């Protein structure tokens, strides 16, 4: 089984910041599906990254 580190938000990216907030709230209530979804979205979204 391969374990990957969670993506870190890119400083100054509003999209990353929002996904991080959602991920943190989901983790707090044990919603692991949303945690995983946020990680995937954070890895794939290009907006705000320069």
N, C-alpha and C. Protein backbone atom coordinates (compact mmCIF):
# COMPACT_ATOMS: atom_id res chain seq x y z
N UNK A 1 0.86 -1.17 0.00
CA UNK A 1 0.00 0.00 0.00
C UNK A 1 0.90 1.23 0.00
N UNK A 2 0.60 2.15 -0.90
CA UNK A 2 1.41 3.36 -1.01
C UNK A 2 0.71 4.52 -0.31
N UNK A 3 1.40 5.14 0.61
CA UNK A 3 0.85 6.30 1.31
C UNK A 3 1.47 7.57 0.76
N UNK A 4 0.65 8.53 0.45
CA UNK A 4 1.15 9.81 -0.05
C UNK A 4 0.87 10.90 0.98
N UNK A 5 1.75 11.85 1.04
CA UNK A 5 1.53 13.00 1.90
C UNK A 5 0.41 13.85 1.30
N UNK A 6 -0.30 14.51 2.17
CA UNK A 6 -1.34 15.42 1.68
C UNK A 6 -0.70 16.61 0.98
N UNK A 7 -1.37 17.13 -0.04
CA UNK A 7 -0.83 18.31 -0.71
C UNK A 7 -0.87 19.51 0.23
N UNK A 8 0.11 20.36 0.10
CA UNK A 8 0.13 21.58 0.91
C UNK A 8 -0.41 22.72 0.06
N UNK A 9 -1.11 23.65 0.67
CA UNK A 9 -1.66 24.77 -0.10
C UNK A 9 -0.56 25.69 -0.61
N UNK A 10 -0.80 26.24 -1.78
CA UNK A 10 0.12 27.21 -2.35
C UNK A 10 -0.20 28.56 -1.73
N UNK A 11 0.80 29.21 -1.16
CA UNK A 11 0.59 30.50 -0.51
C UNK A 11 0.01 31.51 -1.48
N UNK A 12 -1.02 32.21 -1.05
CA UNK A 12 -1.66 33.23 -1.87
C UNK A 12 -2.75 32.71 -2.79
N UNK A 13 -2.99 31.40 -2.78
CA UNK A 13 -4.02 30.82 -3.65
C UNK A 13 -5.31 30.66 -2.86
N UNK A 14 -6.33 31.41 -3.27
CA UNK A 14 -7.62 31.35 -2.57
C UNK A 14 -8.25 29.97 -2.68
N UNK A 15 -8.07 29.31 -3.83
CA UNK A 15 -8.63 27.97 -4.02
C UNK A 15 -8.02 26.97 -3.05
N UNK A 16 -6.70 27.00 -2.91
CA UNK A 16 -6.02 26.12 -1.96
C UNK A 16 -6.47 26.41 -0.53
N UNK A 17 -6.59 27.67 -0.21
CA UNK A 17 -7.00 28.05 1.15
C UNK A 17 -8.39 27.50 1.47
N UNK A 18 -9.32 27.64 0.54
CA UNK A 18 -10.68 27.14 0.76
C UNK A 18 -10.69 25.63 0.87
N UNK A 19 -9.97 24.95 0.00
CA UNK A 19 -9.91 23.48 0.07
C UNK A 19 -9.29 23.01 1.38
N UNK A 20 -8.30 23.73 1.86
CA UNK A 20 -7.67 23.38 3.13
C UNK A 20 -8.67 23.54 4.28
N UNK A 21 -9.44 24.62 4.25
CA UNK A 21 -10.45 24.85 5.30
C UNK A 21 -11.51 23.75 5.29
N UNK A 22 -11.99 23.41 4.10
CA UNK A 22 -13.01 22.35 3.99
C UNK A 22 -12.42 21.02 4.46
N UNK A 23 -11.20 20.73 4.05
CA UNK A 23 -10.53 19.49 4.44
C UNK A 23 -10.39 19.41 5.96
N UNK A 24 -9.99 20.50 6.59
CA UNK A 24 -9.81 20.51 8.04
C UNK A 24 -11.14 20.29 8.77
N UNK A 25 -12.20 20.93 8.28
CA UNK A 25 -13.52 20.73 8.91
C UNK A 25 -14.00 19.30 8.71
N UNK A 26 -13.78 18.74 7.54
CA UNK A 26 -14.19 17.36 7.26
C UNK A 26 -13.44 16.39 8.16
N UNK A 27 -12.15 16.61 8.30
CA UNK A 27 -11.34 15.73 9.15
C UNK A 27 -11.84 15.78 10.59
N UNK A 28 -12.24 16.96 11.06
CA UNK A 28 -12.69 17.12 12.45
C UNK A 28 -13.93 16.28 12.75
N UNK A 29 -14.75 16.01 11.72
CA UNK A 29 -15.97 15.23 11.94
C UNK A 29 -15.85 13.81 11.38
N UNK A 30 -14.65 13.44 10.93
CA UNK A 30 -14.44 12.09 10.44
C UNK A 30 -14.97 11.81 9.05
N UNK A 31 -15.13 12.85 8.25
CA UNK A 31 -15.63 12.71 6.87
C UNK A 31 -14.44 12.49 5.94
N UNK A 32 -13.96 11.26 5.89
CA UNK A 32 -12.74 10.95 5.15
C UNK A 32 -12.92 11.02 3.64
N UNK A 33 -14.14 10.84 3.16
CA UNK A 33 -14.40 10.98 1.72
C UNK A 33 -14.14 12.41 1.29
N UNK A 34 -14.63 13.37 2.05
CA UNK A 34 -14.41 14.77 1.72
C UNK A 34 -12.95 15.15 1.87
N UNK A 35 -12.27 14.61 2.87
CA UNK A 35 -10.84 14.86 3.03
C UNK A 35 -10.10 14.41 1.77
N UNK A 36 -10.40 13.22 1.30
CA UNK A 36 -9.77 12.69 0.09
C UNK A 36 -10.11 13.54 -1.12
N UNK A 37 -11.37 13.91 -1.26
CA UNK A 37 -11.79 14.75 -2.39
C UNK A 37 -11.03 16.07 -2.41
N UNK A 38 -10.91 16.70 -1.25
CA UNK A 38 -10.18 17.97 -1.18
C UNK A 38 -8.72 17.79 -1.59
N UNK A 39 -8.12 16.70 -1.17
CA UNK A 39 -6.73 16.44 -1.57
C UNK A 39 -6.62 16.29 -3.08
N UNK A 40 -7.55 15.58 -3.70
CA UNK A 40 -7.53 15.41 -5.15
C UNK A 40 -7.73 16.75 -5.84
N UNK A 41 -8.71 17.52 -5.40
CA UNK A 41 -8.96 18.83 -6.02
C UNK A 41 -7.76 19.75 -5.87
N UNK A 42 -7.11 19.70 -4.70
CA UNK A 42 -5.97 20.58 -4.48
C UNK A 42 -4.80 20.20 -5.41
N UNK A 43 -4.63 18.93 -5.64
CA UNK A 43 -3.56 18.49 -6.54
C UNK A 43 -3.83 18.86 -7.98
N UNK A 44 -5.10 18.94 -8.36
CA UNK A 44 -5.45 19.12 -9.77
C UNK A 44 -5.78 20.53 -10.21
N UNK A 45 -6.09 21.41 -9.30
CA UNK A 45 -6.56 22.73 -9.72
C UNK A 45 -5.37 23.65 -10.06
N UNK A 46 -5.45 24.35 -11.18
CA UNK A 46 -4.34 25.23 -11.58
C UNK A 46 -4.53 26.71 -11.22
N UNK A 47 -5.73 27.13 -10.87
CA UNK A 47 -6.00 28.54 -10.65
C UNK A 47 -5.24 29.07 -9.45
N UNK A 48 -4.65 30.24 -9.61
CA UNK A 48 -3.96 30.89 -8.51
C UNK A 48 -2.50 30.51 -8.35
N UNK A 49 -2.05 29.55 -9.13
CA UNK A 49 -0.65 29.12 -9.03
C UNK A 49 0.17 29.79 -10.11
N UNK A 50 1.14 30.57 -9.69
CA UNK A 50 2.01 31.29 -10.63
C UNK A 50 3.44 30.86 -10.43
